[in-house]
N, C-alpha and C. Protein backbone atom coordinates (compact mmCIF):
# COMPACT_ATOMS: atom_id res chain seq x y z
N MET A 1 -14.39 19.45 -10.30
CA MET A 1 -14.98 20.80 -9.50
C MET A 1 -14.02 21.49 -8.93
N GLN A 2 -13.08 21.21 -8.93
CA GLN A 2 -12.29 22.18 -8.16
C GLN A 2 -10.75 22.11 -9.34
N ARG A 3 -10.55 23.39 -9.54
CA ARG A 3 -9.23 23.50 -10.83
C ARG A 3 -8.52 24.42 -10.29
N ALA A 4 -7.26 24.49 -10.08
CA ALA A 4 -6.08 25.53 -9.91
C ALA A 4 -4.97 25.03 -10.68
N PRO A 5 -3.72 26.04 -11.24
CA PRO A 5 -2.79 25.99 -11.83
C PRO A 5 -1.72 25.72 -10.69
N THR A 6 -0.23 25.14 -10.75
CA THR A 6 0.50 25.40 -9.54
C THR A 6 0.97 26.57 -9.41
N ASP A 7 0.97 27.75 -10.29
CA ASP A 7 1.46 28.82 -9.75
C ASP A 7 0.74 29.86 -8.83
N LEU A 8 -0.48 28.67 -8.32
CA LEU A 8 -0.98 29.35 -7.07
C LEU A 8 -1.00 29.00 -5.60
N MET A 9 0.33 27.87 -6.10
CA MET A 9 0.24 27.51 -4.48
C MET A 9 1.56 28.17 -3.52
N ILE A 10 1.45 27.86 -2.46
CA ILE A 10 1.99 28.86 -1.48
C ILE A 10 3.79 28.85 -2.24
N PHE A 11 4.46 27.62 -2.21
CA PHE A 11 5.60 27.33 -2.61
C PHE A 11 5.62 26.65 -3.98
N ASP A 12 6.73 26.60 -4.69
CA ASP A 12 6.53 26.46 -5.82
C ASP A 12 7.09 24.97 -5.98
N ILE A 13 7.26 24.18 -7.12
CA ILE A 13 7.59 22.40 -7.12
C ILE A 13 8.99 22.17 -6.66
N PRO A 14 9.74 23.22 -7.25
CA PRO A 14 11.11 23.35 -7.00
C PRO A 14 11.75 23.13 -5.59
N THR A 15 11.12 24.51 -4.79
CA THR A 15 11.34 24.69 -3.26
C THR A 15 10.86 23.03 -2.79
N ILE A 16 9.46 22.50 -3.14
CA ILE A 16 8.83 21.85 -2.49
C ILE A 16 9.60 20.47 -2.17
N ILE A 17 10.50 19.96 -3.50
CA ILE A 17 11.34 19.03 -4.01
C ILE A 17 12.36 19.08 -3.16
N GLU A 18 12.84 20.48 -3.17
CA GLU A 18 14.42 20.84 -2.50
C GLU A 18 13.90 20.25 -0.68
N TYR A 19 12.73 20.79 -0.54
CA TYR A 19 12.46 20.57 0.84
C TYR A 19 12.58 19.08 1.18
N LEU A 20 11.69 17.91 0.58
CA LEU A 20 11.46 16.74 0.81
C LEU A 20 12.73 15.94 1.08
N THR A 21 13.48 16.55 -0.43
CA THR A 21 14.64 15.59 -0.20
C THR A 21 15.52 15.88 1.14
N GLY A 22 15.47 17.09 1.46
CA GLY A 22 16.34 17.27 2.96
C GLY A 22 16.07 16.09 3.61
N PHE A 23 14.89 15.29 3.35
CA PHE A 23 14.91 14.49 4.74
C PHE A 23 14.49 13.00 4.22
N THR A 24 14.32 12.60 3.02
CA THR A 24 13.86 11.55 2.77
C THR A 24 14.37 11.64 0.97
N GLU A 25 14.10 10.13 0.47
CA GLU A 25 14.76 9.82 -0.78
C GLU A 25 13.43 9.73 -1.40
N LEU A 26 13.17 10.66 -2.51
CA LEU A 26 12.00 10.47 -3.42
C LEU A 26 12.36 9.20 -4.54
N LEU A 27 11.68 8.31 -4.75
CA LEU A 27 11.55 7.27 -5.73
C LEU A 27 10.95 7.83 -6.61
N PRO A 28 10.94 7.08 -8.12
CA PRO A 28 10.25 7.01 -9.08
C PRO A 28 8.43 6.78 -8.95
N GLY A 29 7.62 7.69 -8.87
CA GLY A 29 6.03 6.73 -9.03
C GLY A 29 5.96 7.51 -7.24
N ASP A 30 6.83 8.35 -6.51
CA ASP A 30 6.14 8.98 -5.46
C ASP A 30 5.29 10.20 -5.70
N VAL A 31 4.41 10.27 -5.16
CA VAL A 31 3.48 11.34 -5.14
C VAL A 31 3.53 11.97 -4.09
N ILE A 32 3.54 13.38 -3.76
CA ILE A 32 3.70 14.37 -3.14
C ILE A 32 2.52 14.99 -3.28
N ALA A 33 1.66 14.45 -2.07
CA ALA A 33 0.37 15.49 -2.01
C ALA A 33 0.44 16.78 -1.43
N THR A 34 -0.07 17.56 -2.12
CA THR A 34 0.34 19.14 -1.11
C THR A 34 -1.03 20.07 -0.40
N GLY A 35 -2.32 19.05 -0.67
CA GLY A 35 -3.42 20.02 -0.31
C GLY A 35 -4.28 19.87 -1.13
N THR A 36 -5.54 20.95 -1.33
CA THR A 36 -6.25 21.16 -2.29
C THR A 36 -6.63 22.04 -2.96
N PRO A 37 -7.07 22.64 -3.57
CA PRO A 37 -7.30 24.20 -4.15
C PRO A 37 -8.75 24.66 -3.29
N GLY A 38 -9.13 25.66 -3.62
CA GLY A 38 -10.44 26.72 -3.17
C GLY A 38 -11.09 25.86 -3.81
N GLY A 39 -12.50 26.07 -2.86
CA GLY A 39 -13.99 24.91 -3.58
C GLY A 39 -14.04 23.50 -3.10
N VAL A 40 -13.40 22.93 -2.10
CA VAL A 40 -13.33 21.42 -1.58
C VAL A 40 -14.44 21.51 -1.04
N GLY A 41 -15.30 20.19 -0.86
CA GLY A 41 -16.48 20.21 -0.88
C GLY A 41 -17.02 20.08 0.19
N PHE A 42 -16.27 19.75 1.29
CA PHE A 42 -17.47 20.22 3.08
C PHE A 42 -17.93 21.79 2.66
N LYS A 43 -16.96 22.47 2.41
CA LYS A 43 -16.71 24.24 2.45
C LYS A 43 -17.87 24.71 1.33
N ARG A 44 -18.67 23.74 0.57
CA ARG A 44 -19.85 24.16 -0.60
C ARG A 44 -20.88 24.19 0.47
N GLU A 45 -21.93 25.12 -0.61
CA GLU A 45 -23.33 25.49 0.17
C GLU A 45 -23.99 24.42 -0.74
N PRO A 46 -24.77 23.68 -0.62
CA PRO A 46 -24.52 22.80 0.45
C PRO A 46 -23.28 21.84 0.23
N PRO A 47 -22.93 21.21 1.12
CA PRO A 47 -21.66 20.69 1.11
C PRO A 47 -21.54 19.05 -0.11
N VAL A 48 -20.37 19.28 -0.83
CA VAL A 48 -20.67 18.04 -1.60
C VAL A 48 -19.58 17.13 -1.43
N PHE A 49 -19.89 15.84 -1.33
CA PHE A 49 -19.33 14.42 -1.26
C PHE A 49 -18.83 13.77 -2.67
N MET A 50 -17.55 12.96 -2.72
CA MET A 50 -17.54 12.28 -3.85
C MET A 50 -18.80 10.85 -3.50
N LYS A 51 -18.89 10.28 -4.01
CA LYS A 51 -19.35 9.00 -4.07
C LYS A 51 -18.99 8.20 -5.48
N ALA A 52 -19.66 6.74 -5.38
CA ALA A 52 -19.49 5.88 -6.08
C ALA A 52 -19.95 5.95 -7.72
N GLY A 53 -19.22 5.92 -8.49
CA GLY A 53 -19.62 6.30 -9.71
C GLY A 53 -18.58 7.72 -10.15
N ASP A 54 -18.36 8.32 -9.37
CA ASP A 54 -17.27 9.83 -9.17
C ASP A 54 -15.73 9.16 -9.99
N VAL A 55 -15.52 10.37 -10.47
CA VAL A 55 -13.91 10.08 -10.90
C VAL A 55 -12.86 11.02 -10.52
N ALA A 56 -11.99 10.75 -9.82
CA ALA A 56 -11.02 12.20 -9.49
C ALA A 56 -9.57 11.81 -10.93
N GLU A 57 -9.67 13.21 -11.04
CA GLU A 57 -8.68 13.45 -11.80
C GLU A 57 -7.63 14.31 -11.21
N VAL A 58 -6.20 13.66 -11.60
CA VAL A 58 -4.93 14.82 -11.43
C VAL A 58 -4.62 15.02 -12.78
N GLU A 59 -4.29 16.26 -13.32
CA GLU A 59 -3.48 16.15 -14.38
C GLU A 59 -1.99 17.33 -14.68
N ILE A 60 -1.26 16.73 -15.22
CA ILE A 60 -0.10 17.67 -15.05
C ILE A 60 -0.15 17.96 -16.74
N SER A 61 0.01 19.50 -16.78
CA SER A 61 0.51 19.36 -18.33
C SER A 61 1.55 18.57 -19.11
N SER A 62 1.55 18.19 -20.36
CA SER A 62 2.66 17.50 -20.83
C SER A 62 3.39 16.26 -19.93
N ILE A 63 2.73 15.87 -19.06
CA ILE A 63 2.70 14.33 -18.16
C ILE A 63 1.63 13.32 -18.64
N GLY A 64 0.56 13.89 -18.29
CA GLY A 64 -0.36 13.27 -18.21
C GLY A 64 -1.71 13.48 -16.72
N ILE A 65 -2.52 12.56 -17.23
CA ILE A 65 -3.91 12.52 -15.99
C ILE A 65 -3.88 10.96 -15.21
N LEU A 66 -3.78 11.30 -13.91
CA LEU A 66 -3.93 10.26 -13.04
C LEU A 66 -5.30 10.31 -12.78
N ARG A 67 -6.23 9.36 -13.22
CA ARG A 67 -7.34 9.15 -13.35
C ARG A 67 -8.00 7.99 -12.55
N ASN A 68 -8.64 8.36 -11.00
CA ASN A 68 -9.35 7.11 -10.08
C ASN A 68 -10.74 7.26 -10.15
N PRO A 69 -11.22 6.23 -10.24
CA PRO A 69 -12.99 5.88 -9.98
C PRO A 69 -13.31 6.21 -8.65
N VAL A 70 -14.27 6.03 -8.09
CA VAL A 70 -14.25 6.31 -6.64
C VAL A 70 -15.74 5.14 -6.45
N VAL A 71 -15.23 3.39 -5.84
CA VAL A 71 -16.03 2.77 -5.45
C VAL A 71 -17.05 2.94 -4.25
N ALA A 72 -18.03 2.42 -4.39
CA ALA A 72 -18.81 1.93 -2.88
C ALA A 72 -17.87 1.20 -2.06
N GLU A 73 -17.66 1.90 -0.83
CA GLU A 73 -17.08 1.01 0.03
C GLU A 73 -17.57 -0.48 0.43
N ARG A 74 -16.95 -1.20 1.00
CA ARG A 74 -17.76 -2.62 1.54
C ARG A 74 -18.10 -2.58 2.48
N ASP A 75 -18.94 -3.44 2.57
CA ASP A 75 -19.62 -3.28 4.66
C ASP A 75 -18.60 -4.29 5.64
């Protein structure tokens, strides 16, 4: 439902990495969460939220896709 290239980010990736490594060590497998592009669910009319059966995907060109299924919350 959301799609945005990294060139629309306020800070580019090298700047974010430089900033983070100024106070923490980044290790292989670390994920840097930077926020969400426009079209976030609660601002839609009507609001849209993820539910069991949905799939969240994040793709980085030339690297691959991180794909996570959404499952129902346990009682």
